[in-house]
Every structure is written in structure tokens, then in C-alpha cells.
PDB file of N, CA and C in Angstrom:
ATOM      1  N   MET A   1     118.603 152.930  65.310  1.00  0.00           N
ATOM      2  CA  MET A   1     119.832 152.221  64.929  1.00  0.00           C
ATOM      3  C   MET A   1     121.028 153.131  65.169  1.00  0.00           C
ATOM      4  N   SER A   2     122.035 152.616  65.785  1.00  0.00           N
ATOM      5  CA  SER A   2     123.244 153.389  66.070  1.00  0.00           C
ATOM      6  C   SER A   2     124.115 153.494  64.853  1.00  0.00           C
ATOM      7  N   SER A   3     124.928 154.554  64.852  1.00  0.00           N
ATOM      8  CA  SER A   3     125.875 154.738  63.741  1.00  0.00           C
ATOM      9  C   SER A   3     127.180 155.269  64.311  1.00  0.00           C
ATOM     10  N   ILE A   4     128.208 155.130  63.483  1.00  0.00           N
ATOM     11  CA  ILE A   4     129.526 155.599  63.908  1.00  0.00           C
ATOM     12  C   ILE A   4     130.215 156.214  62.675  1.00  0.00           C
ATOM     13  N   ASN A   5     131.055 157.170  62.966  1.00  0.00           N
ATOM     14  CA  ASN A   5     131.865 157.784  61.906  1.00  0.00           C
ATOM     15  C   ASN A   5     133.293 157.830  62.414  1.00  0.00           C
ATOM     16  N   VAL A   6     134.231 157.418  61.580  1.00  0.00           N
ATOM     17  CA  VAL A   6     135.643 157.470  61.940  1.00  0.00           C
ATOM     18  C   VAL A   6     136.360 158.284  60.889  1.00  0.00           C
ATOM     19  N   LYS A   7     136.892 159.413  61.317  1.00  0.00           N
ATOM     20  CA  LYS A   7     137.673 160.276  60.427  1.00  0.00           C
ATOM     21  C   LYS A   7     139.151 160.072  60.762  1.00  0.00           C
ATOM     22  N   THR A   8     139.925 159.745  59.762  1.00  0.00           N
ATOM     23  CA  THR A   8     141.355 159.485  59.947  1.00  0.00           C
ATOM     24  C   THR A   8     142.171 160.614  59.379  1.00  0.00           C
ATOM     25  N   THR A   9     143.081 161.118  60.173  1.00  0.00           N
ATOM     26  CA  THR A   9     144.007 162.153  59.703  1.00  0.00           C
ATOM     27  C   THR A   9     145.405 161.808  60.195  1.00  0.00           C
ATOM     28  N   ARG A  10     146.384 162.341  59.487  1.00  0.00           N
ATOM     29  CA  ARG A  10     147.761 162.084  59.859  1.00  0.00           C
ATOM     30  C   ARG A  10     148.458 163.431  60.130  1.00  0.00           C
ATOM     31  N   HIS A  11     149.152 163.500  61.230  1.00  0.00           N
ATOM     32  CA  HIS A  11     149.900 164.698  61.613  1.00  0.00           C
ATOM     33  C   HIS A  11     151.341 164.267  61.873  1.00  0.00           C
ATOM     34  N   GLY A  12     152.172 164.431  60.862  1.00  0.00           N
ATOM     35  CA  GLY A  12     153.533 163.936  60.992  1.00  0.00           C
ATOM     36  C   GLY A  12     153.523 162.437  61.122  1.00  0.00           C
ATOM     37  N   ASP A  13     154.099 161.957  62.200  1.00  0.00           N
ATOM     38  CA  ASP A  13     154.147 160.498  62.443  1.00  0.00           C
ATOM     39  C   ASP A  13     152.999 159.982  63.306  1.00  0.00           C
ATOM     40  N   ARG A  14     152.069 160.856  63.669  1.00  0.00           N
ATOM     41  CA  ARG A  14     150.917 160.473  64.519  1.00  0.00           C
ATOM     42  C   ARG A  14     149.704 160.282  63.643  1.00  0.00           C
ATOM     43  N   LEU A  15     149.007 159.179  63.889  1.00  0.00           N
ATOM     44  CA  LEU A  15     147.750 158.879  63.183  1.00  0.00           C
ATOM     45  C   LEU A  15     146.621 159.126  64.164  1.00  0.00           C
ATOM     46  N   ARG A  16     145.639 159.917  63.726  1.00  0.00           N
ATOM     47  CA  ARG A  16     144.543 160.330  64.600  1.00  0.00           C
ATOM     48  C   ARG A  16     143.206 159.811  64.013  1.00  0.00           C
ATOM     49  N   PHE A  17     142.429 159.191  64.892  1.00  0.00           N
ATOM     50  CA  PHE A  17     141.090 158.737  64.533  1.00  0.00           C
ATOM     51  C   PHE A  17     140.098 159.526  65.377  1.00  0.00           C
ATOM     52  N   GLU A  18     139.232 160.294  64.692  1.00  0.00           N
ATOM     53  CA  GLU A  18     138.165 161.031  65.387  1.00  0.00           C
ATOM     54  C   GLU A  18     136.927 160.164  65.276  1.00  0.00           C
ATOM     55  N   VAL A  19     136.473 159.666  66.402  1.00  0.00           N
ATOM     56  CA  VAL A  19     135.346 158.732  66.451  1.00  0.00           C
ATOM     57  C   VAL A  19     134.120 159.485  66.959  1.00  0.00           C
ATOM     58  N   SER A  20     133.035 159.441  66.178  1.00  0.00           N
ATOM     59  CA  SER A  20     131.793 160.077  66.624  1.00  0.00           C
ATOM     60  C   SER A  20     130.657 159.092  66.428  1.00  0.00           C
ATOM     61  N   GLY A  21     129.634 159.230  67.272  1.00  0.00           N
ATOM     62  CA  GLY A  21     128.504 158.327  67.197  1.00  0.00           C
ATOM     63  C   GLY A  21     128.524 157.371  68.383  1.00  0.00           C
ATOM     64  N   ASP A  22     128.052 156.160  68.147  1.00  0.00           N
ATOM     65  CA  ASP A  22     127.935 155.126  69.201  1.00  0.00           C
ATOM     66  C   ASP A  22     128.850 153.953  68.872  1.00  0.00           C
ATOM     67  N   LEU A  23     129.663 153.601  69.820  1.00  0.00           N
ATOM     68  CA  LEU A  23     130.580 152.468  69.679  1.00  0.00           C
ATOM     69  C   LEU A  23     129.945 151.278  70.429  1.00  0.00           C
ATOM     70  N   ASP A  24     129.242 150.457  69.638  1.00  0.00           N
ATOM     71  CA  ASP A  24     128.516 149.322  70.239  1.00  0.00           C
ATOM     72  C   ASP A  24     128.609 148.111  69.342  1.00  0.00           C
ATOM     73  N   TYR A  25     127.824 147.089  69.665  1.00  0.00           N
ATOM     74  CA  TYR A  25     127.906 145.810  68.948  1.00  0.00           C
ATOM     75  C   TYR A  25     127.530 145.915  67.472  1.00  0.00           C
ATOM     76  N   LEU A  26     126.850 146.985  67.085  1.00  0.00           N
ATOM     77  CA  LEU A  26     126.478 147.136  65.691  1.00  0.00           C
ATOM     78  C   LEU A  26     127.603 147.687  64.801  1.00  0.00           C
ATOM     79  N   ASN A  27     128.559 148.351  65.418  1.00  0.00           N
ATOM     80  CA  ASN A  27     129.552 149.021  64.580  1.00  0.00           C
ATOM     81  C   ASN A  27     130.973 149.059  65.158  1.00  0.00           C
ATOM     82  N   ASP A  28     131.266 148.214  66.122  1.00  0.00           N
ATOM     83  CA  ASP A  28     132.611 148.183  66.693  1.00  0.00           C
ATOM     84  C   ASP A  28     133.647 147.797  65.644  1.00  0.00           C
ATOM     85  N   ALA A  29     133.286 146.948  64.695  1.00  0.00           N
ATOM     86  CA  ALA A  29     134.244 146.479  63.675  1.00  0.00           C
ATOM     87  C   ALA A  29     134.786 147.610  62.833  1.00  0.00           C
ATOM     88  N   ALA A  30     133.958 148.635  62.560  1.00  0.00           N
ATOM     89  CA  ALA A  30     134.406 149.762  61.742  1.00  0.00           C
ATOM     90  C   ALA A  30     135.546 150.506  62.384  1.00  0.00           C
ATOM     91  N   VAL A  31     135.486 150.701  63.697  1.00  0.00           N
ATOM     92  CA  VAL A  31     136.560 151.412  64.411  1.00  0.00           C
ATOM     93  C   VAL A  31     137.804 150.542  64.471  1.00  0.00           C
ATOM     94  N   VAL A  32     137.663 149.257  64.805  1.00  0.00           N
ATOM     95  CA  VAL A  32     138.798 148.379  64.875  1.00  0.00           C
ATOM     96  C   VAL A  32     139.483 148.250  63.517  1.00  0.00           C
ATOM     97  N   THR A  33     138.693 148.072  62.461  1.00  0.00           N
ATOM     98  CA  THR A  33     139.250 147.948  61.118  1.00  0.00           C
ATOM     99  C   THR A  33     140.042 149.188  60.734  1.00  0.00           C
ATOM    100  N   ALA A  34     139.470 150.362  60.946  1.00  0.00           N
ATOM    101  CA  ALA A  34     140.155 151.607  60.605  1.00  0.00           C
ATOM    102  C   ALA A  34     141.498 151.729  61.353  1.00  0.00           C
ATOM    103  N   ALA A  35     141.460 151.444  62.642  1.00  0.00           N
ATOM    104  CA  ALA A  35     142.666 151.555  63.451  1.00  0.00           C
ATOM    105  C   ALA A  35     143.729 150.569  63.038  1.00  0.00           C
ATOM    106  N   LEU A  36     143.341 149.310  62.814  1.00  0.00           N
ATOM    107  CA  LEU A  36     144.318 148.299  62.460  1.00  0.00           C
ATOM    108  C   LEU A  36     144.929 148.562  61.083  1.00  0.00           C
ATOM    109  N   GLU A  37     144.103 149.022  60.138  1.00  0.00           N
ATOM    110  CA  GLU A  37     144.633 149.358  58.821  1.00  0.00           C
ATOM    111  C   GLU A  37     145.596 150.533  58.954  1.00  0.00           C
ATOM    112  N   GLY A  38     145.258 151.511  59.767  1.00  0.00           N
ATOM    113  CA  GLY A  38     146.101 152.678  59.959  1.00  0.00           C
ATOM    114  C   GLY A  38     147.426 152.352  60.581  1.00  0.00           C
ATOM    115  N   MET A  39     147.465 151.358  61.433  1.00  0.00           N
ATOM    116  CA  MET A  39     148.717 150.971  62.095  1.00  0.00           C
ATOM    117  C   MET A  39     149.765 150.450  61.116  1.00  0.00           C
ATOM    118  N   HIS A  40     149.319 150.053  59.952  1.00  0.00           N
ATOM    119  CA  HIS A  40     150.245 149.541  58.933  1.00  0.00           C
ATOM    120  C   HIS A  40     150.816 150.627  58.025  1.00  0.00           C
ATOM    121  N   ASP A  41     150.344 151.876  58.220  1.00  0.00           N
ATOM    122  CA  ASP A  41     150.871 152.963  57.396  1.00  0.00           C
ATOM    123  C   ASP A  41     152.346 153.167  57.720  1.00  0.00           C
ATOM    124  N   PRO A  42     153.166 153.293  56.694  1.00  0.00           N
ATOM    125  CA  PRO A  42     154.608 153.514  56.944  1.00  0.00           C
ATOM    126  C   PRO A  42     154.863 154.814  57.702  1.00  0.00           C
ATOM    127  N   GLY A  43     155.745 154.770  58.640  1.00  0.00           N
ATOM    128  CA  GLY A  43     156.121 155.967  59.362  1.00  0.00           C
ATOM    129  C   GLY A  43     155.272 156.333  60.540  1.00  0.00           C
ATOM    130  N   VAL A  44     154.171 155.596  60.802  1.00  0.00           N
ATOM    131  CA  VAL A  44     153.322 155.893  61.949  1.00  0.00           C
ATOM    132  C   VAL A  44     154.024 155.421  63.223  1.00  0.00           C
ATOM    133  N   THR A  45     154.174 156.342  64.179  1.00  0.00           N
ATOM    134  CA  THR A  45     154.834 156.008  65.437  1.00  0.00           C
ATOM    135  C   THR A  45     153.936 156.159  66.642  1.00  0.00           C
ATOM    136  N   ALA A  46     152.703 156.653  66.447  1.00  0.00           N
ATOM    137  CA  ALA A  46     151.766 156.816  67.568  1.00  0.00           C
ATOM    138  C   ALA A  46     150.358 156.902  67.036  1.00  0.00           C
ATOM    139  N   ILE A  47     149.384 156.486  67.858  1.00  0.00           N
ATOM    140  CA  ILE A  47     147.966 156.498  67.516  1.00  0.00           C
ATOM    141  C   ILE A  47     147.206 157.321  68.533  1.00  0.00           C
ATOM    142  N   ASP A  48     146.369 158.227  68.061  1.00  0.00           N
ATOM    143  CA  ASP A  48     145.485 159.008  68.927  1.00  0.00           C
ATOM    144  C   ASP A  48     144.043 158.630  68.584  1.00  0.00           C
ATOM    145  N   LEU A  49     143.245 158.268  69.584  1.00  0.00           N
ATOM    146  CA  LEU A  49     141.822 158.045  69.397  1.00  0.00           C
ATOM    147  C   LEU A  49     141.101 159.231  70.040  1.00  0.00           C
ATOM    148  N   ASP A  50     140.578 160.116  69.206  1.00  0.00           N
ATOM    149  CA  ASP A  50     139.790 161.247  69.710  1.00  0.00           C
ATOM    150  C   ASP A  50     138.372 160.758  69.951  1.00  0.00           C
ATOM    151  N   LEU A  51     137.999 160.619  71.214  1.00  0.00           N
ATOM    152  CA  LEU A  51     136.701 160.087  71.601  1.00  0.00           C
ATOM    153  C   LEU A  51     135.782 161.178  72.127  1.00  0.00           C
ATOM    154  N   SER A  52     136.106 162.421  71.908  1.00  0.00           N
ATOM    155  CA  SER A  52     135.338 163.539  72.446  1.00  0.00           C
ATOM    156  C   SER A  52     133.943 163.624  71.870  1.00  0.00           C
ATOM    157  N   GLN A  53     133.708 163.033  70.718  1.00  0.00           N
ATOM    158  CA  GLN A  53     132.370 163.063  70.097  1.00  0.00           C
ATOM    159  C   GLN A  53     131.687 161.692  70.169  1.00  0.00           C
ATOM    160  N   LEU A  54     132.232 160.794  70.953  1.00  0.00           N
ATOM    161  CA  LEU A  54     131.647 159.472  71.122  1.00  0.00           C
ATOM    162  C   LEU A  54     130.476 159.594  72.073  1.00  0.00           C
ATOM    163  N   GLY A  55     129.273 159.261  71.611  1.00  0.00           N
ATOM    164  CA  GLY A  55     128.080 159.420  72.408  1.00  0.00           C
ATOM    165  C   GLY A  55     127.832 158.269  73.368  1.00  0.00           C
ATOM    166  N   PHE A  56     128.175 157.053  72.973  1.00  0.00           N
ATOM    167  CA  PHE A  56     127.861 155.859  73.778  1.00  0.00           C
ATOM    168  C   PHE A  56     128.892 154.776  73.488  1.00  0.00           C
ATOM    169  N   CYS A  57     129.205 154.019  74.513  1.00  0.00           N
ATOM    170  CA  CYS A  57     130.123 152.890  74.354  1.00  0.00           C
ATOM    171  C   CYS A  57     129.613 151.752  75.253  1.00  0.00           C
ATOM    172  N   ASP A  58     129.300 150.608  74.664  1.00  0.00           N
ATOM    173  CA  ASP A  58     128.892 149.443  75.470  1.00  0.00           C
ATOM    174  C   ASP A  58     130.070 148.508  75.643  1.00  0.00           C
ATOM    175  N   SER A  59     129.833 147.346  76.232  1.00  0.00           N
ATOM    176  CA  SER A  59     130.902 146.416  76.504  1.00  0.00           C
ATOM    177  C   SER A  59     131.602 145.929  75.233  1.00  0.00           C
ATOM    178  N   THR A  60     130.854 145.840  74.139  1.00  0.00           N
ATOM    179  CA  THR A  60     131.478 145.466  72.874  1.00  0.00           C
ATOM    180  C   THR A  60     132.415 146.572  72.392  1.00  0.00           C
ATOM    181  N   GLY A  61     131.974 147.803  72.554  1.00  0.00           N
ATOM    182  CA  GLY A  61     132.829 148.956  72.219  1.00  0.00           C
ATOM    183  C   GLY A  61     134.096 148.982  73.063  1.00  0.00           C
ATOM    184  N   LEU A  62     133.925 148.670  74.340  1.00  0.00           N
ATOM    185  CA  LEU A  62     135.072 148.572  75.251  1.00  0.00           C
ATOM    186  C   LEU A  62     136.040 147.498  74.765  1.00  0.00           C
ATOM    187  N   GLY A  63     135.495 146.380  74.333  1.00  0.00           N
ATOM    188  CA  GLY A  63     136.302 145.312  73.756  1.00  0.00           C
ATOM    189  C   GLY A  63     137.070 145.766  72.530  1.00  0.00           C
ATOM    190  N   ALA A  64     136.421 146.623  71.724  1.00  0.00           N
ATOM    191  CA  ALA A  64     137.095 147.164  70.531  1.00  0.00           C
ATOM    192  C   ALA A  64     138.283 148.028  70.927  1.00  0.00           C
ATOM    193  N   LEU A  65     138.110 148.854  71.954  1.00  0.00           N
ATOM    194  CA  LEU A  65     139.223 149.697  72.421  1.00  0.00           C
ATOM    195  C   LEU A  65     140.383 148.828  72.927  1.00  0.00           C
ATOM    196  N   ILE A  66     140.033 147.730  73.643  1.00  0.00           N
ATOM    197  CA  ILE A  66     141.066 146.860  74.136  1.00  0.00           C
ATOM    198  C   ILE A  66     141.778 146.142  72.999  1.00  0.00           C
ATOM    199  N   THR A  67     141.029 145.762  71.960  1.00  0.00           N
ATOM    200  CA  THR A  67     141.657 145.135  70.784  1.00  0.00           C
ATOM    201  C   THR A  67     142.607 146.094  70.084  1.00  0.00           C
ATOM    202  N   ILE A  68     142.203 147.311  69.934  1.00  0.00           N
ATOM    203  CA  ILE A  68     143.071 148.341  69.332  1.00  0.00           C
ATOM    204  C   ILE A  68     144.327 148.528  70.171  1.00  0.00           C
ATOM    205  N   HIS A  69     144.134 148.601  71.480  1.00  0.00           N
ATOM    206  CA  HIS A  69     145.279 148.729  72.393  1.00  0.00           C
ATOM    207  C   HIS A  69     146.250 147.573  72.227  1.00  0.00           C
ATOM    208  N   SER A  70     145.715 146.361  72.203  1.00  0.00           N
ATOM    209  CA  SER A  70     146.525 145.155  72.103  1.00  0.00           C
ATOM    210  C   SER A  70     147.388 145.188  70.811  1.00  0.00           C
ATOM    211  N   HIS A  71     146.757 145.547  69.721  1.00  0.00           N
ATOM    212  CA  HIS A  71     147.509 145.593  68.442  1.00  0.00           C
ATOM    213  C   HIS A  71     148.519 146.712  68.446  1.00  0.00           C
ATOM    214  N   ALA A  72     148.200 147.822  69.069  1.00  0.00           N
ATOM    215  CA  ALA A  72     149.164 148.942  69.156  1.00  0.00           C
ATOM    216  C   ALA A  72     150.371 148.512  69.972  1.00  0.00           C
ATOM    217  N   VAL A  73     150.144 147.833  71.081  1.00  0.00           N
ATOM    218  CA  VAL A  73     151.250 147.349  71.911  1.00  0.00           C
ATOM    219  C   VAL A  73     152.109 146.357  71.128  1.00  0.00           C
ATOM    220  N   ASP A  74     151.463 145.454  70.407  1.00  0.00           N
ATOM    221  CA  ASP A  74     152.201 144.475  69.592  1.00  0.00           C
ATOM    222  C   ASP A  74     153.096 145.153  68.573  1.00  0.00           C
ATOM    223  N   ARG A  75     152.702 146.293  68.094  1.00  0.00           N
ATOM    224  CA  ARG A  75     153.492 147.028  67.079  1.00  0.00           C
ATOM    225  C   ARG A  75     154.388 148.106  67.689  1.00  0.00           C
ATOM    226  N   GLY A  76     154.375 148.211  69.025  1.00  0.00           N
ATOM    227  CA  GLY A  76     155.217 149.195  69.678  1.00  0.00           C
ATOM    228  C   GLY A  76     154.737 150.621  69.507  1.00  0.00           C
ATOM    229  N   LEU A  77     153.436 150.796  69.269  1.00  0.00           N
ATOM    230  CA  LEU A  77     152.879 152.124  69.041  1.00  0.00           C
ATOM    231  C   LEU A  77     152.150 152.624  70.277  1.00  0.00           C
ATOM    232  N   PRO A  78     152.510 153.793  70.808  1.00  0.00           N
ATOM    233  CA  PRO A  78     151.758 154.369  71.911  1.00  0.00           C
ATOM    234  C   PRO A  78     150.321 154.696  71.410  1.00  0.00           C
ATOM    235  N   LEU A  79     149.356 154.430  72.287  1.00  0.00           N
ATOM    236  CA  LEU A  79     147.955 154.719  71.977  1.00  0.00           C
ATOM    237  C   LEU A  79     147.432 155.692  73.038  1.00  0.00           C
ATOM    238  N   VAL A  80     146.856 156.796  72.597  1.00  0.00           N
ATOM    239  CA  VAL A  80     146.337 157.805  73.498  1.00  0.00           C
ATOM    240  C   VAL A  80     144.844 157.962  73.255  1.00  0.00           C
ATOM    241  N   LEU A  81     144.049 157.859  74.339  1.00  0.00           N
ATOM    242  CA  LEU A  81     142.619 158.178  74.246  1.00  0.00           C
ATOM    243  C   LEU A  81     142.462 159.634  74.586  1.00  0.00           C
ATOM    244  N   CYS A  82     141.913 160.420  73.665  1.00  0.00           N
ATOM    245  CA  CYS A  82     141.801 161.862  73.826  1.00  0.00           C
ATOM    246  C   CYS A  82     140.338 162.264  74.035  1.00  0.00           C
ATOM    247  N   GLY A  83     140.079 163.036  75.056  1.00  0.00           N
ATOM    248  CA  GLY A  83     138.802 163.636  75.278  1.00  0.00           C
ATOM    249  C   GLY A  83     137.610 162.726  75.570  1.00  0.00           C
ATOM    250  N   PRO A  84     137.835 161.573  76.252  1.00  0.00           N
ATOM    251  CA  PRO A  84     136.667 160.721  76.537  1.00  0.00           C
ATOM    252  C   PRO A  84     135.688 161.431  77.472  1.00  0.00           C
ATOM    253  N   ARG A  85     134.397 161.217  77.196  1.00  0.00           N
ATOM    254  CA  ARG A  85     133.357 161.837  78.033  1.00  0.00           C
ATOM    255  C   ARG A  85     133.235 161.080  79.361  1.00  0.00           C
ATOM    256  N   VAL A  86     132.488 161.676  80.285  1.00  0.00           N
ATOM    257  CA  VAL A  86     132.353 161.150  81.633  1.00  0.00           C
ATOM    258  C   VAL A  86     131.891 159.701  81.639  1.00  0.00           C
ATOM    259  N   GLY A  87     130.882 159.361  80.823  1.00  0.00           N
ATOM    260  CA  GLY A  87     130.351 157.991  80.798  1.00  0.00           C
ATOM    261  C   GLY A  87     131.406 156.959  80.407  1.00  0.00           C
ATOM    262  N   LEU A  88     132.217 157.292  79.422  1.00  0.00           N
ATOM    263  CA  LEU A  88     133.261 156.395  78.991  1.00  0.00           C
ATOM    264  C   LEU A  88     134.347 156.291  80.055  1.00  0.00           C
ATOM    265  N   LEU A  89     134.717 157.428  80.636  1.00  0.00           N
ATOM    266  CA  LEU A  89     135.692 157.389  81.732  1.00  0.00           C
ATOM    267  C   LEU A  89     135.231 156.492  82.870  1.00  0.00           C
ATOM    268  N   ARG A  90     133.968 156.591  83.211  1.00  0.00           N
ATOM    269  CA  ARG A  90     133.395 155.746  84.275  1.00  0.00           C
ATOM    270  C   ARG A  90     133.497 154.278  83.873  1.00  0.00           C
ATOM    271  N   LEU A  91     133.146 153.926  82.625  1.00  0.00           N
ATOM    272  CA  LEU A  91     133.225 152.555  82.167  1.00  0.00           C
ATOM    273  C   LEU A  91     134.666 152.041  82.213  1.00  0.00           C
ATOM    274  N   LEU A  92     135.590 152.851  81.772  1.00  0.00           N
ATOM    275  CA  LEU A  92     136.999 152.465  81.807  1.00  0.00           C
ATOM    276  C   LEU A  92     137.486 152.220  83.240  1.00  0.00           C
ATOM    277  N   THR A  93     137.069 153.109  84.157  1.00  0.00           N
ATOM    278  CA  THR A  93     137.490 152.999  85.552  1.00  0.00           C
ATOM    279  C   THR A  93     136.842 151.810  86.239  1.00  0.00           C
ATOM    280  N   LEU A  94     135.546 151.640  86.085  1.00  0.00           N
ATOM    281  CA  LEU A  94     134.834 150.537  86.733  1.00  0.00           C
ATOM    282  C   LEU A  94     135.346 149.169  86.322  1.00  0.00           C
ATOM    283  N   THR A  95     135.797 149.072  85.074  1.00  0.00           N
ATOM    284  CA  THR A  95     136.272 147.789  84.562  1.00  0.00           C
ATOM    285  C   THR A  95     137.779 147.603  84.783  1.00  0.00           C
ATOM    286  N   GLY A  96     138.452 148.654  85.273  1.00  0.00           N
ATOM    287  CA  GLY A  96     139.890 148.590  85.495  1.00  0.00           C
ATOM    288  C   GLY A  96     140.710 148.741  84.248  1.00  0.00           C
ATOM    289  N   VAL A  97     140.063 149.001  83.139  1.00  0.00           N
ATOM    290  CA  VAL A  97     140.761 149.102  81.839  1.00  0.00           C
ATOM    291  C   VAL A  97     141.488 150.429  81.709  1.00  0.00           C
ATOM    292  N   ASP A  98     141.115 151.427  82.522  1.00  0.00           N
ATOM    293  CA  ASP A  98     141.757 152.728  82.427  1.00  0.00           C
ATOM    294  C   ASP A  98     143.266 152.640  82.579  1.00  0.00           C
ATOM    295  N   THR A  99     143.762 151.627  83.292  1.00  0.00           N
ATOM    296  CA  THR A  99     145.209 151.466  83.517  1.00  0.00           C
ATOM    297  C   THR A  99     145.951 151.059  82.242  1.00  0.00           C
ATOM    298  N   LEU A 100     145.241 150.562  81.238  1.00  0.00           N
ATOM    299  CA  LEU A 100     145.891 150.178  79.995  1.00  0.00           C
ATOM    300  C   LEU A 100     146.258 151.364  79.125  1.00  0.00           C
ATOM    301  N   PHE A 101     145.517 152.462  79.282  1.00  0.00           N
ATOM    302  CA  PHE A 101     145.601 153.570  78.346  1.00  0.00           C
ATOM    303  C   PHE A 101     146.274 154.790  78.920  1.00  0.00           C
ATOM    304  N   THR A 102     146.867 155.570  78.014  1.00  0.00           N
ATOM    305  CA  THR A 102     147.197 156.958  78.330  1.00  0.00           C
ATOM    306  C   THR A 102     145.935 157.723  77.964  1.00  0.00           C
ATOM    307  N   ILE A 103     145.400 158.515  78.912  1.00  0.00           N
ATOM    308  CA  ILE A 103     144.154 159.207  78.679  1.00  0.00           C
ATOM    309  C   ILE A 103     144.390 160.692  78.870  1.00  0.00           C
ATOM    310  N   LEU A 104     144.040 161.461  77.845  1.00  0.00           N
ATOM    311  CA  LEU A 104     144.080 162.914  77.924  1.00  0.00           C
ATOM    312  C   LEU A 104     142.628 163.391  78.015  1.00  0.00           C
ATOM    313  N   LEU A 105     142.291 164.129  79.065  1.00  0.00           N
ATOM    314  CA  LEU A 105     140.905 164.526  79.235  1.00  0.00           C
ATOM    315  C   LEU A 105     140.415 165.478  78.181  1.00  0.00           C
ATOM    316  N   ASP A 106     141.321 166.265  77.615  1.00  0.00           N
ATOM    317  CA  ASP A 106     140.979 167.145  76.493  1.00  0.00           C
ATOM    318  C   ASP A 106     141.288 166.447  75.205  1.00  0.00           C
ATOM    319  N   ALA A 107     140.810 166.962  74.111  1.00  0.00           N
ATOM    320  CA  ALA A 107     141.072 166.389  72.803  1.00  0.00           C
ATOM    321  C   ALA A 107     141.866 167.388  71.982  1.00  0.00           C
ATOM    322  N   PRO A 108     143.169 167.552  72.295  1.00  0.00           N
ATOM    323  CA  PRO A 108     143.979 168.505  71.545  1.00  0.00           C
ATOM    324  C   PRO A 108     144.259 168.039  70.134  1.00  0.00           C
ATOM    325  N   ALA A 109     144.718 168.944  69.306  1.00  0.00           N
ATOM    326  CA  ALA A 109     145.149 168.574  67.969  1.00  0.00           C
ATOM    327  C   ALA A 109     146.282 167.569  68.110  1.00  0.00           C
ATOM    328  N   SER A 110     146.374 166.623  67.193  1.00  0.00           N
ATOM    329  CA  SER A 110     147.385 165.566  67.268  1.00  0.00           C
ATOM    330  C   SER A 110     148.792 166.121  67.431  1.00  0.00           C
ATOM    331  N   ALA A 111     149.070 167.222  66.786  1.00  0.00           N
ATOM    332  CA  ALA A 111     150.406 167.795  66.862  1.00  0.00           C
ATOM    333  C   ALA A 111     150.734 168.209  68.282  1.00  0.00           C
ATOM    334  N   ASP A 112     149.705 168.450  69.114  1.00  0.00           N
ATOM    335  CA  ASP A 112     149.917 168.879  70.488  1.00  0.00           C
ATOM    336  C   ASP A 112     149.975 167.755  71.465  1.00  0.00           C
ATOM    337  N   VAL A 113     149.713 166.518  71.050  1.00  0.00           N
ATOM    338  CA  VAL A 113     149.604 165.385  71.961  1.00  0.00           C
ATOM    339  C   VAL A 113     151.031 164.876  72.257  1.00  0.00           C
ATOM    340  N   GLU A 114     151.345 164.871  73.535  1.00  0.00           N
ATOM    341  CA  GLU A 114     152.614 164.321  73.996  1.00  0.00           C
ATOM    342  C   GLU A 114     152.325 163.348  75.117  1.00  0.00           C
ATOM    343  N   PRO A 115     152.148 162.068  74.808  1.00  0.00           N
ATOM    344  CA  PRO A 115     151.819 161.103  75.876  1.00  0.00           C
ATOM    345  C   PRO A 115     152.894 161.067  76.936  1.00  0.00           C
ATOM    346  N   THR A 116     152.457 160.870  78.189  1.00  0.00           N
ATOM    347  CA  THR A 116     153.410 160.819  79.278  1.00  0.00           C
ATOM    348  C   THR A 116     153.556 159.430  79.843  1.00  0.00           C
ATOM    349  N   ALA A 117     152.763 158.495  79.400  1.00  0.00           N
ATOM    350  CA  ALA A 117     152.843 157.156  79.947  1.00  0.00           C
ATOM    351  C   ALA A 117     153.256 156.162  78.888  1.00  0.00           C
TER     352      ALA A 117
END
């Protein structure tokens, strides 16, 4: 059985979610719920999803990332995917979804993240 852990931290006006485990049909809702609730925190101006410890992501997990992106756009919040592994990068590229996101190949501390897109 797959599992997921979402650790939420705040660095100034940036909200960071460190996602570890498997993002699939069994637990995509946990990531989406955490992100959507976090977007309502007062003073949040940007969202970072640290995916460096994400082991697996299926199509449902990809849908979760797209849902988070959509809600971030609706709220005017930049969303940065930090440190995605090769498998996730391949999935994002093959599906054309990579163009939706600002992607940082490393997973720097939130205070160091300066999105360029």
C-alpha cells in the first residue's frame, strides 16, 4: 500500500510543501487538501512544492498537481515545483504539462526560491 507525507512550512510569504512517498490514486487528495488549505493562509504570496522525495507519481497524482496549479493561478499565486526526480520530469514532459509549471531542478530552501516564470 502506498503512503504519502506532506510537511508544510512557511518561510516569510512563501508556503512550502515537502511531499514524500507516492502520489497516486490512493492518496492524491491529501496533497491537494493540504495545498488548497494552505493557499488560504493570510499573507501567502507563493507556493513551493518540494517533490525531491516523491518516489512515484501516476496519472491521478499528475491530476493532483494540475488541480493545485489551477487553484494557485485562480488566486494569483506563483507555484514552483522544486526538485522533481527524473521519472516525474519525464511524465510532465510527455504529457506537455511541464509548460504549466515553473520547475527548479534542485530543491532549495524556500527562502532561496526565486521563480523566473
